[in-house]
C-alpha atoms as a PDB file:
ATOM      1  CA  UNK A   1    -131.587  27.600  62.472  1.00  0.00           C
ATOM      2  CA  UNK A   2    -134.651  24.597  63.155  1.00  0.00           C
ATOM      3  CA  UNK A   3    -136.137  24.795  66.492  1.00  0.00           C
ATOM      4  CA  UNK A   4    -137.487  20.664  67.414  1.00  0.00           C
ATOM      5  CA  UNK A   5    -141.146  20.367  69.549  1.00  0.00           C
ATOM      6  CA  UNK A   6    -140.606  16.654  69.505  1.00  0.00           C
ATOM      7  CA  UNK A   7    -144.201  16.624  71.100  1.00  0.00           C
ATOM      8  CA  UNK A   8    -146.128  19.265  69.630  1.00  0.00           C
ATOM      9  CA  UNK A   9    -149.068  18.505  67.780  1.00  0.00           C
ATOM     10  CA  UNK A  10    -148.448  19.888  63.992  1.00  0.00           C
ATOM     11  CA  UNK A  11    -147.088  19.444  61.052  1.00  0.00           C
ATOM     12  CA  UNK A  12    -143.085  18.913  60.016  1.00  0.00           C
ATOM     13  CA  UNK A  13    -143.824  19.405  56.730  1.00  0.00           C
ATOM     14  CA  UNK A  14    -144.684  15.924  56.308  1.00  0.00           C
ATOM     15  CA  UNK A  15    -141.062  14.887  57.902  1.00  0.00           C
ATOM     16  CA  UNK A  16    -141.056  11.301  59.995  1.00  0.00           C
ATOM     17  CA  UNK A  17    -139.241  11.020  63.426  1.00  0.00           C
ATOM     18  CA  UNK A  18    -136.257   9.788  63.993  1.00  0.00           C
ATOM     19  CA  UNK A  19    -135.852   8.037  67.367  1.00  0.00           C
ATOM     20  CA  UNK A  20    -132.775   6.362  69.090  1.00  0.00           C
ATOM     21  CA  UNK A  21    -133.337   4.255  71.538  1.00  0.00           C
ATOM     22  CA  UNK A  22    -131.556   2.661  74.159  1.00  0.00           C
ATOM     23  CA  UNK A  23    -131.626  -1.051  74.254  1.00  0.00           C
ATOM     24  CA  UNK A  24    -129.809  -3.210  77.094  1.00  0.00           C
ATOM     25  CA  UNK A  25    -126.401  -3.692  77.748  1.00  0.00           C
ATOM     26  CA  UNK A  26    -126.981  -7.360  78.934  1.00  0.00           C
ATOM     27  CA  UNK A  27    -129.823  -7.496  80.742  1.00  0.00           C
ATOM     28  CA  UNK A  28    -133.360  -7.428  79.501  1.00  0.00           C
ATOM     29  CA  UNK A  29    -134.620  -6.502  82.282  1.00  0.00           C
ATOM     30  CA  UNK A  30    -133.380  -3.125  81.567  1.00  0.00           C
ATOM     31  CA  UNK A  31    -135.107  -2.839  78.353  1.00  0.00           C
ATOM     32  CA  UNK A  32    -137.881   0.403  79.163  1.00  0.00           C
ATOM     33  CA  UNK A  33    -141.444   0.301  78.544  1.00  0.00           C
ATOM     34  CA  UNK A  34    -140.807   3.883  76.286  1.00  0.00           C
ATOM     35  CA  UNK A  35    -138.481   1.856  74.385  1.00  0.00           C
ATOM     36  CA  UNK A  36    -140.748  -1.441  73.513  1.00  0.00           C
ATOM     37  CA  UNK A  37    -143.669   0.791  73.135  1.00  0.00           C
ATOM     38  CA  UNK A  38    -141.817   3.278  70.488  1.00  0.00           C
ATOM     39  CA  UNK A  39    -139.818   0.115  68.775  1.00  0.00           C
ATOM     40  CA  UNK A  40    -143.567  -1.036  68.291  1.00  0.00           C
ATOM     41  CA  UNK A  41    -144.905   1.816  66.914  1.00  0.00           C
ATOM     42  CA  UNK A  42    -142.447   2.775  64.064  1.00  0.00           C
ATOM     43  CA  UNK A  43    -142.832   2.146  60.567  1.00  0.00           C
ATOM     44  CA  UNK A  44    -138.939   1.026  60.578  1.00  0.00           C
ATOM     45  CA  UNK A  45    -135.808  -0.253  63.064  1.00  0.00           C
ATOM     46  CA  UNK A  46    -132.224   0.171  61.800  1.00  0.00           C
ATOM     47  CA  UNK A  47    -129.976  -2.336  63.515  1.00  0.00           C
ATOM     48  CA  UNK A  48    -126.034  -2.185  63.796  1.00  0.00           C
ATOM     49  CA  UNK A  49    -126.686  -5.615  63.812  1.00  0.00           C
ATOM     50  CA  UNK A  50    -129.973  -7.091  62.544  1.00  0.00           C
ATOM     51  CA  UNK A  51    -129.082 -10.863  63.939  1.00  0.00           C
ATOM     52  CA  UNK A  52    -128.828  -9.603  67.754  1.00  0.00           C
ATOM     53  CA  UNK A  53    -131.711  -7.207  67.266  1.00  0.00           C
ATOM     54  CA  UNK A  54    -133.933  -9.601  66.328  1.00  0.00           C
ATOM     55  CA  UNK A  55    -132.662 -11.402  69.230  1.00  0.00           C
ATOM     56  CA  UNK A  56    -134.353  -8.301  71.372  1.00  0.00           C
ATOM     57  CA  UNK A  57    -137.522  -8.179  68.980  1.00  0.00           C
ATOM     58  CA  UNK A  58    -138.719 -11.456  69.080  1.00  0.00           C
ATOM     59  CA  UNK A  59    -137.519 -11.412  72.783  1.00  0.00           C
ATOM     60  CA  UNK A  60    -140.974  -8.835  73.594  1.00  0.00           C
ATOM     61  CA  UNK A  61    -142.660  -9.834  70.875  1.00  0.00           C
ATOM     62  CA  UNK A  62    -142.560  -7.065  68.544  1.00  0.00           C
ATOM     63  CA  UNK A  63    -142.353  -6.983  64.561  1.00  0.00           C
ATOM     64  CA  UNK A  64    -141.940  -3.873  63.308  1.00  0.00           C
ATOM     65  CA  UNK A  65    -139.707  -4.017  59.912  1.00  0.00           C
ATOM     66  CA  UNK A  66    -135.486  -4.313  60.979  1.00  0.00           C
ATOM     67  CA  UNK A  67    -133.185  -3.225  58.170  1.00  0.00           C
ATOM     68  CA  UNK A  68    -129.385  -2.361  58.745  1.00  0.00           C
ATOM     69  CA  UNK A  69    -127.286   0.267  59.608  1.00  0.00           C
ATOM     70  CA  UNK A  70    -123.888  -0.066  60.162  1.00  0.00           C
ATOM     71  CA  UNK A  71    -120.164   1.265  59.623  1.00  0.00           C
ATOM     72  CA  UNK A  72    -120.024  -0.885  56.907  1.00  0.00           C
ATOM     73  CA  UNK A  73    -122.676  -0.239  54.848  1.00  0.00           C
ATOM     74  CA  UNK A  74    -123.478   3.282  55.913  1.00  0.00           C
ATOM     75  CA  UNK A  75    -122.506   4.996  52.447  1.00  0.00           C
ATOM     76  CA  UNK A  76    -125.891   3.519  50.968  1.00  0.00           C
ATOM     77  CA  UNK A  77    -127.743   3.016  54.118  1.00  0.00           C
ATOM     78  CA  UNK A  78    -127.589   6.371  55.532  1.00  0.00           C
ATOM     79  CA  UNK A  79    -129.132   8.463  52.371  1.00  0.00           C
ATOM     80  CA  UNK A  80    -132.078   6.147  51.703  1.00  0.00           C
ATOM     81  CA  UNK A  81    -133.284   6.198  55.480  1.00  0.00           C
ATOM     82  CA  UNK A  82    -133.294  10.197  55.253  1.00  0.00           C
ATOM     83  CA  UNK A  83    -135.494   9.729  52.089  1.00  0.00           C
ATOM     84  CA  UNK A  84    -137.734   7.441  54.343  1.00  0.00           C
ATOM     85  CA  UNK A  85    -138.109   9.733  56.626  1.00  0.00           C
ATOM     86  CA  UNK A  86    -138.894  13.110  54.678  1.00  0.00           C
ATOM     87  CA  UNK A  87    -141.710  10.954  52.775  1.00  0.00           C
ATOM     88  CA  UNK A  88    -143.224  10.476  56.236  1.00  0.00           C
ATOM     89  CA  UNK A  89    -141.496   7.206  58.064  1.00  0.00           C
ATOM     90  CA  UNK A  90    -140.936   7.162  61.336  1.00  0.00           C
ATOM     91  CA  UNK A  91    -137.825   5.315  62.026  1.00  0.00           C
ATOM     92  CA  UNK A  92    -136.024   3.765  65.581  1.00  0.00           C
ATOM     93  CA  UNK A  93    -132.134   3.771  65.145  1.00  0.00           C
ATOM     94  CA  UNK A  94    -130.602   0.946  67.883  1.00  0.00           C
ATOM     95  CA  UNK A  95    -127.297   0.017  68.390  1.00  0.00           C
ATOM     96  CA  UNK A  96    -126.032  -3.652  69.484  1.00  0.00           C
ATOM     97  CA  UNK A  97    -126.341  -2.609  73.219  1.00  0.00           C
ATOM     98  CA  UNK A  98    -126.727   0.932  74.667  1.00  0.00           C
ATOM     99  CA  UNK A  99    -126.942   4.118  73.195  1.00  0.00           C
ATOM    100  CA  UNK A 100    -127.075   4.816  69.770  1.00  0.00           C
ATOM    101  CA  UNK A 101    -124.397   7.259  67.916  1.00  0.00           C
ATOM    102  CA  UNK A 102    -122.144   6.220  70.773  1.00  0.00           C
ATOM    103  CA  UNK A 103    -119.372   4.674  69.579  1.00  0.00           C
ATOM    104  CA  UNK A 104    -120.825   3.694  66.371  1.00  0.00           C
ATOM    105  CA  UNK A 105    -122.122   5.355  62.762  1.00  0.00           C
ATOM    106  CA  UNK A 106    -125.016   7.042  64.344  1.00  0.00           C
ATOM    107  CA  UNK A 107    -123.718  10.242  64.659  1.00  0.00           C
ATOM    108  CA  UNK A 108    -123.568  10.642  61.184  1.00  0.00           C
ATOM    109  CA  UNK A 109    -127.109   9.725  60.595  1.00  0.00           C
ATOM    110  CA  UNK A 110    -128.153  12.124  63.121  1.00  0.00           C
ATOM    111  CA  UNK A 111    -126.290  14.696  61.561  1.00  0.00           C
ATOM    112  CA  UNK A 112    -127.615  13.875  58.460  1.00  0.00           C
ATOM    113  CA  UNK A 113    -131.532  14.200  59.914  1.00  0.00           C
ATOM    114  CA  UNK A 114    -130.473  17.149  61.493  1.00  0.00           C
ATOM    115  CA  UNK A 115    -129.417  19.350  57.909  1.00  0.00           C
ATOM    116  CA  UNK A 116    -133.320  18.169  56.717  1.00  0.00           C
ATOM    117  CA  UNK A 117    -134.780  19.323  59.577  1.00  0.00           C
ATOM    118  CA  UNK A 118    -135.726  15.968  60.637  1.00  0.00           C
ATOM    119  CA  UNK A 119    -136.967  15.265  64.394  1.00  0.00           C
ATOM    120  CA  UNK A 120    -134.422  13.070  66.537  1.00  0.00           C
ATOM    121  CA  UNK A 121    -136.089  12.600  69.483  1.00  0.00           C
ATOM    122  CA  UNK A 122    -133.660  10.267  72.640  1.00  0.00           C
ATOM    123  CA  UNK A 123    -135.347   7.605  74.192  1.00  0.00           C
ATOM    124  CA  UNK A 124    -132.656   6.953  76.822  1.00  0.00           C
ATOM    125  CA  UNK A 125    -131.881   3.775  78.573  1.00  0.00           C
ATOM    126  CA  UNK A 126    -128.384   2.035  79.627  1.00  0.00           C
ATOM    127  CA  UNK A 127    -125.120   2.660  78.808  1.00  0.00           C
ATOM    128  CA  UNK A 128    -122.103   1.087  79.523  1.00  0.00           C
ATOM    129  CA  UNK A 129    -119.746   4.055  80.302  1.00  0.00           C
ATOM    130  CA  UNK A 130    -122.106   5.913  82.324  1.00  0.00           C
ATOM    131  CA  UNK A 131    -122.982   2.415  84.726  1.00  0.00           C
ATOM    132  CA  UNK A 132    -119.521   1.857  84.913  1.00  0.00           C
ATOM    133  CA  UNK A 133    -118.988   5.227  86.067  1.00  0.00           C
ATOM    134  CA  UNK A 134    -121.208   5.793  89.338  1.00  0.00           C
ATOM    135  CA  UNK A 135    -119.569   1.919  90.214  1.00  0.00           C
ATOM    136  CA  UNK A 136    -116.166   2.870  90.100  1.00  0.00           C
ATOM    137  CA  UNK A 137    -115.973   4.846  93.605  1.00  0.00           C
ATOM    138  CA  UNK A 138    -114.017   7.353  91.425  1.00  0.00           C
ATOM    139  CA  UNK A 139    -114.637  11.200  90.434  1.00  0.00           C
ATOM    140  CA  UNK A 140    -118.269  11.140  88.863  1.00  0.00           C
ATOM    141  CA  UNK A 141    -118.059  15.418  89.301  1.00  0.00           C
ATOM    142  CA  UNK A 142    -116.447  15.808  86.296  1.00  0.00           C
ATOM    143  CA  UNK A 143    -116.092  13.167  83.157  1.00  0.00           C
ATOM    144  CA  UNK A 144    -115.085  12.138  80.115  1.00  0.00           C
ATOM    145  CA  UNK A 145    -115.822   9.422  77.440  1.00  0.00           C
ATOM    146  CA  UNK A 146    -113.223   8.478  75.280  1.00  0.00           C
ATOM    147  CA  UNK A 147    -114.699   5.305  73.863  1.00  0.00           C
ATOM    148  CA  UNK A 148    -112.196   3.056  71.879  1.00  0.00           C
ATOM    149  CA  UNK A 149    -108.569   4.075  71.202  1.00  0.00           C
ATOM    150  CA  UNK A 150    -106.962   4.745  68.037  1.00  0.00           C
ATOM    151  CA  UNK A 151    -106.157   0.869  66.656  1.00  0.00           C
ATOM    152  CA  UNK A 152    -102.766   2.267  65.125  1.00  0.00           C
ATOM    153  CA  UNK A 153     -99.956   2.247  67.905  1.00  0.00           C
ATOM    154  CA  UNK A 154     -98.813   6.207  66.969  1.00  0.00           C
ATOM    155  CA  UNK A 155    -101.960   7.348  66.837  1.00  0.00           C
ATOM    156  CA  UNK A 156    -102.626   5.652  70.503  1.00  0.00           C
ATOM    157  CA  UNK A 157    -100.007   6.502  71.970  1.00  0.00           C
ATOM    158  CA  UNK A 158    -101.022  10.343  70.870  1.00  0.00           C
ATOM    159  CA  UNK A 159    -104.325  10.266  71.791  1.00  0.00           C
ATOM    160  CA  UNK A 160    -103.239   9.082  75.759  1.00  0.00           C
ATOM    161  CA  UNK A 161    -100.432  11.740  75.757  1.00  0.00           C
ATOM    162  CA  UNK A 162    -103.260  14.132  74.773  1.00  0.00           C
ATOM    163  CA  UNK A 163    -105.053  13.211  77.720  1.00  0.00           C
ATOM    164  CA  UNK A 164    -102.680  13.295  80.021  1.00  0.00           C
ATOM    165  CA  UNK A 165    -102.965  16.600  81.821  1.00  0.00           C
ATOM    166  CA  UNK A 166    -106.888  16.131  82.099  1.00  0.00           C
ATOM    167  CA  UNK A 167    -107.935  16.119  85.491  1.00  0.00           C
ATOM    168  CA  UNK A 168    -111.215  14.795  84.171  1.00  0.00           C
ATOM    169  CA  UNK A 169    -112.089  10.564  85.160  1.00  0.00           C
ATOM    170  CA  UNK A 170    -111.842   8.796  82.091  1.00  0.00           C
ATOM    171  CA  UNK A 171    -114.053   6.196  79.964  1.00  0.00           C
ATOM    172  CA  UNK A 172    -112.139   4.175  77.486  1.00  0.00           C
ATOM    173  CA  UNK A 173    -114.044   0.844  75.917  1.00  0.00           C
ATOM    174  CA  UNK A 174    -112.097  -2.336  75.519  1.00  0.00           C
ATOM    175  CA  UNK A 175    -111.769  -5.931  73.888  1.00  0.00           C
ATOM    176  CA  UNK A 176    -110.768  -9.027  75.667  1.00  0.00           C
ATOM    177  CA  UNK A 177    -107.487  -9.449  73.802  1.00  0.00           C
ATOM    178  CA  UNK A 178    -106.242  -6.042  73.948  1.00  0.00           C
ATOM    179  CA  UNK A 179    -107.124  -4.562  77.962  1.00  0.00           C
ATOM    180  CA  UNK A 180    -103.791  -5.790  79.142  1.00  0.00           C
ATOM    181  CA  UNK A 181    -101.682  -3.830  76.251  1.00  0.00           C
ATOM    182  CA  UNK A 182    -104.040  -1.027  76.798  1.00  0.00           C
ATOM    183  CA  UNK A 183    -103.699  -0.931  80.234  1.00  0.00           C
ATOM    184  CA  UNK A 184     -99.990  -1.508  80.572  1.00  0.00           C
ATOM    185  CA  UNK A 185     -99.981   1.819  77.702  1.00  0.00           C
ATOM    186  CA  UNK A 186    -102.385   3.904  79.943  1.00  0.00           C
ATOM    187  CA  UNK A 187     -99.851   3.468  82.639  1.00  0.00           C
ATOM    188  CA  UNK A 188     -96.561   4.255  81.125  1.00  0.00           C
ATOM    189  CA  UNK A 189     -98.283   7.419  79.117  1.00  0.00           C
ATOM    190  CA  UNK A 190    -100.273   8.486  81.948  1.00  0.00           C
ATOM    191  CA  UNK A 191     -99.009   7.260  85.028  1.00  0.00           C
ATOM    192  CA  UNK A 192     -99.719   5.017  87.730  1.00  0.00           C
ATOM    193  CA  UNK A 193    -103.190   6.159  88.536  1.00  0.00           C
ATOM    194  CA  UNK A 194    -106.666   4.560  90.081  1.00  0.00           C
ATOM    195  CA  UNK A 195    -108.695   2.452  87.985  1.00  0.00           C
ATOM    196  CA  UNK A 196    -111.966   0.097  87.557  1.00  0.00           C
ATOM    197  CA  UNK A 197    -112.896  -2.220  84.819  1.00  0.00           C
ATOM    198  CA  UNK A 198    -116.226  -3.346  84.403  1.00  0.00           C
ATOM    199  CA  UNK A 199    -116.676  -6.731  82.554  1.00  0.00           C
ATOM    200  CA  UNK A 200    -120.222  -8.024  81.840  1.00  0.00           C
ATOM    201  CA  UNK A 201    -121.841  -5.720  83.335  1.00  0.00           C
ATOM    202  CA  UNK A 202    -125.372  -5.899  84.510  1.00  0.00           C
ATOM    203  CA  UNK A 203    -125.289  -9.524  83.387  1.00  0.00           C
ATOM    204  CA  UNK A 204    -125.111 -12.537  85.598  1.00  0.00           C
ATOM    205  CA  UNK A 205    -121.036 -12.742  85.970  1.00  0.00           C
ATOM    206  CA  UNK A 206    -120.841  -8.786  86.239  1.00  0.00           C
ATOM    207  CA  UNK A 207    -117.559  -8.028  87.794  1.00  0.00           C
ATOM    208  CA  UNK A 208    -115.443  -5.153  88.968  1.00  0.00           C
ATOM    209  CA  UNK A 209    -111.970  -5.145  89.291  1.00  0.00           C
ATOM    210  CA  UNK A 210    -110.718  -1.846  90.860  1.00  0.00           C
ATOM    211  CA  UNK A 211    -107.205  -0.964  91.814  1.00  0.00           C
ATOM    212  CA  UNK A 212    -103.988   0.772  90.752  1.00  0.00           C
ATOM    213  CA  UNK A 213    -103.400   0.058  87.549  1.00  0.00           C
ATOM    214  CA  UNK A 214    -100.529  -2.242  87.976  1.00  0.00           C
ATOM    215  CA  UNK A 215    -102.498  -4.163  90.652  1.00  0.00           C
ATOM    216  CA  UNK A 216    -105.215  -4.315  88.004  1.00  0.00           C
ATOM    217  CA  UNK A 217    -102.375  -5.706  85.659  1.00  0.00           C
ATOM    218  CA  UNK A 218    -101.279  -8.201  87.813  1.00  0.00           C
ATOM    219  CA  UNK A 219    -104.857  -9.626  88.493  1.00  0.00           C
ATOM    220  CA  UNK A 220    -105.484  -9.849  84.650  1.00  0.00           C
ATOM    221  CA  UNK A 221    -102.107 -11.462  84.088  1.00  0.00           C
ATOM    222  CA  UNK A 222    -103.176 -14.223  86.512  1.00  0.00           C
ATOM    223  CA  UNK A 223    -106.547 -15.384  84.613  1.00  0.00           C
ATOM    224  CA  UNK A 224    -106.164 -18.149  82.311  1.00  0.00           C
ATOM    225  CA  UNK A 225    -108.450 -16.573  80.078  1.00  0.00           C
ATOM    226  CA  UNK A 226    -109.974 -12.846  79.631  1.00  0.00           C
ATOM    227  CA  UNK A 227    -113.116 -12.456  78.441  1.00  0.00           C
ATOM    228  CA  UNK A 228    -115.790  -9.916  77.824  1.00  0.00           C
ATOM    229  CA  UNK A 229    -115.980  -6.292  76.793  1.00  0.00           C
ATOM    230  CA  UNK A 230    -114.228  -4.377  78.911  1.00  0.00           C
ATOM    231  CA  UNK A 231    -115.572  -0.611  80.028  1.00  0.00           C
ATOM    232  CA  UNK A 232    -112.557   1.229  81.622  1.00  0.00           C
ATOM    233  CA  UNK A 233    -112.780   4.083  84.122  1.00  0.00           C
ATOM    234  CA  UNK A 234    -109.347   5.748  84.962  1.00  0.00           C
ATOM    235  CA  UNK A 235    -108.846   8.384  87.764  1.00  0.00           C
ATOM    236  CA  UNK A 236    -108.210  11.723  86.104  1.00  0.00           C
ATOM    237  CA  UNK A 237    -104.983  13.801  86.404  1.00  0.00           C
ATOM    238  CA  UNK A 238    -104.528  14.858  89.927  1.00  0.00           C
ATOM    239  CA  UNK A 239    -101.433  17.902  89.439  1.00  0.00           C
ATOM    240  CA  UNK A 240     -98.030  17.021  89.037  1.00  0.00           C
ATOM    241  CA  UNK A 241     -97.554  14.075  91.387  1.00  0.00           C
ATOM    242  CA  UNK A 242    -100.628  12.667  89.778  1.00  0.00           C
ATOM    243  CA  UNK A 243     -99.168  12.675  86.132  1.00  0.00           C
ATOM    244  CA  UNK A 244     -95.758  12.144  86.375  1.00  0.00           C
ATOM    245  CA  UNK A 245     -95.182   9.838  89.092  1.00  0.00           C
ATOM    246  CA  UNK A 246     -93.825   6.955  87.046  1.00  0.00           C
ATOM    247  CA  UNK A 247     -91.682   8.876  85.027  1.00  0.00           C
ATOM    248  CA  UNK A 248     -88.564   6.980  84.777  1.00  0.00           C
ATOM    249  CA  UNK A 249     -85.141   6.938  82.188  1.00  0.00           C
ATOM    250  CA  UNK A 250     -86.926   4.521  79.743  1.00  0.00           C
ATOM    251  CA  UNK A 251     -89.530   7.064  79.527  1.00  0.00           C
ATOM    252  CA  UNK A 252     -88.818   7.487  75.917  1.00  0.00           C
ATOM    253  CA  UNK A 253     -87.924   4.615  74.339  1.00  0.00           C
ATOM    254  CA  UNK A 254     -88.944   1.883  72.734  1.00  0.00           C
ATOM    255  CA  UNK A 255     -88.941  -2.103  73.919  1.00  0.00           C
ATOM    256  CA  UNK A 256     -86.144  -2.891  71.769  1.00  0.00           C
ATOM    257  CA  UNK A 257     -83.885   0.120  72.791  1.00  0.00           C
ATOM    258  CA  UNK A 258     -84.977  -0.025  76.609  1.00  0.00           C
ATOM    259  CA  UNK A 259     -84.233  -4.289  76.391  1.00  0.00           C
ATOM    260  CA  UNK A 260     -81.032  -3.257  74.439  1.00  0.00           C
ATOM    261  CA  UNK A 261     -79.809  -1.257  77.462  1.00  0.00           C
ATOM    262  CA  UNK A 262     -79.944  -3.623  79.773  1.00  0.00           C
ATOM    263  CA  UNK A 263     -77.894  -5.695  77.898  1.00  0.00           C
ATOM    264  CA  UNK A 264     -74.980  -3.790  76.749  1.00  0.00           C
ATOM    265  CA  UNK A 265     -75.067  -3.193  80.301  1.00  0.00           C
ATOM    266  CA  UNK A 266     -74.259  -7.240  81.315  1.00  0.00           C
ATOM    267  CA  UNK A 267     -77.655  -8.581  81.856  1.00  0.00           C
ATOM    268  CA  UNK A 268     -79.155 -11.760  79.644  1.00  0.00           C
ATOM    269  CA  UNK A 269     -81.399 -11.157  76.891  1.00  0.00           C
ATOM    270  CA  UNK A 270     -83.872 -13.359  79.178  1.00  0.00           C
ATOM    271  CA  UNK A 271     -82.941 -11.558  81.724  1.00  0.00           C
ATOM    272  CA  UNK A 272     -83.445  -8.038  79.920  1.00  0.00           C
ATOM    273  CA  UNK A 273     -86.634  -9.119  78.583  1.00  0.00           C
ATOM    274  CA  UNK A 274     -88.585 -10.222  81.844  1.00  0.00           C
ATOM    275  CA  UNK A 275     -86.808  -6.387  83.615  1.00  0.00           C
ATOM    276  CA  UNK A 276     -87.945  -4.971  80.726  1.00  0.00           C
ATOM    277  CA  UNK A 277     -91.738  -6.204  81.129  1.00  0.00           C
ATOM    278  CA  UNK A 278     -91.427  -5.413  84.857  1.00  0.00           C
ATOM    279  CA  UNK A 279     -90.951  -1.814  84.147  1.00  0.00           C
ATOM    280  CA  UNK A 280     -93.180  -1.165  81.958  1.00  0.00           C
ATOM    281  CA  UNK A 281     -95.849  -3.172  82.589  1.00  0.00           C
ATOM    282  CA  UNK A 282     -96.485  -5.892  79.881  1.00  0.00           C
ATOM    283  CA  UNK A 283     -96.560  -9.295  79.784  1.00  0.00           C
ATOM    284  CA  UNK A 284     -93.217 -10.991  79.030  1.00  0.00           C
ATOM    285  CA  UNK A 285     -94.855 -12.275  75.871  1.00  0.00           C
ATOM    286  CA  UNK A 286     -95.281  -8.961  74.129  1.00  0.00           C
ATOM    287  CA  UNK A 287     -92.108  -7.663  75.045  1.00  0.00           C
ATOM    288  CA  UNK A 288     -90.638 -10.632  73.641  1.00  0.00           C
ATOM    289  CA  UNK A 289     -92.497 -10.756  70.344  1.00  0.00           C
ATOM    290  CA  UNK A 290     -92.039  -6.911  69.809  1.00  0.00           C
ATOM    291  CA  UNK A 291     -87.500  -7.411  70.434  1.00  0.00           C
ATOM    292  CA  UNK A 292     -87.766 -10.527  68.168  1.00  0.00           C
ATOM    293  CA  UNK A 293     -90.250  -9.305  65.807  1.00  0.00           C
ATOM    294  CA  UNK A 294     -87.834  -6.550  65.248  1.00  0.00           C
ATOM    295  CA  UNK A 295     -84.249  -8.826  65.056  1.00  0.00           C
ATOM    296  CA  UNK A 296     -86.067 -10.519  62.252  1.00  0.00           C
END
């Protein structure tokens, strides 16, 4: 057992401290005074993207040494950071935006530091998930942060099915080129629910879209181009009606089988594709591509 007293005077066996420093998620004015001071005073800053962090450091005239620590070099960079901490160097870990160790490899570095009884000190600040949650209009009493869903189709659906019965408000992150597909799949698995999308949070063109999932999908499908990272806030399961109201005859069928049922009933392929897209809440081009890929 290791009892950490971060601000108490005394020796930590000559070891340095690992600071987890929050950075702005868009608006530079959200950088805290404490965060600036810590970044100025530490020996080294470990950044997810040194180019992005360099812009931040230049803005606040911080000249601290910068090294990289990210998903692709963590196996080599992580042990080196631990070594530097063990010989007394103080290091600040930052991500591209928001809190480090959330949806990035920082959690592994923290775990390794804790295992070595190295003090780990949080320097709080901006966070996209919580910022979107408190402005969503949905329940904040209980919530579950999930972040990015798995890329693999089977794993993603399995994870959504696991979350289906949760009464907590759900928080996801998603990229602009996948937001429509992800929302449609959330609706398909979880049922029709209230949702709030936060885009470009804290920036000049900050935007919130609130409504039923189908309403939000209609809005997104009308946009010529979708830009900006999204924070997705989804209403929790409020009982059997909330979780099961979208149970339809086609639940359990894949897209191809869904289309084939309508073709067998006499619809043209074009009509069947359109009907399937409308029922699933998917863009027509996505259903078309999925169907014709199976035909090859």
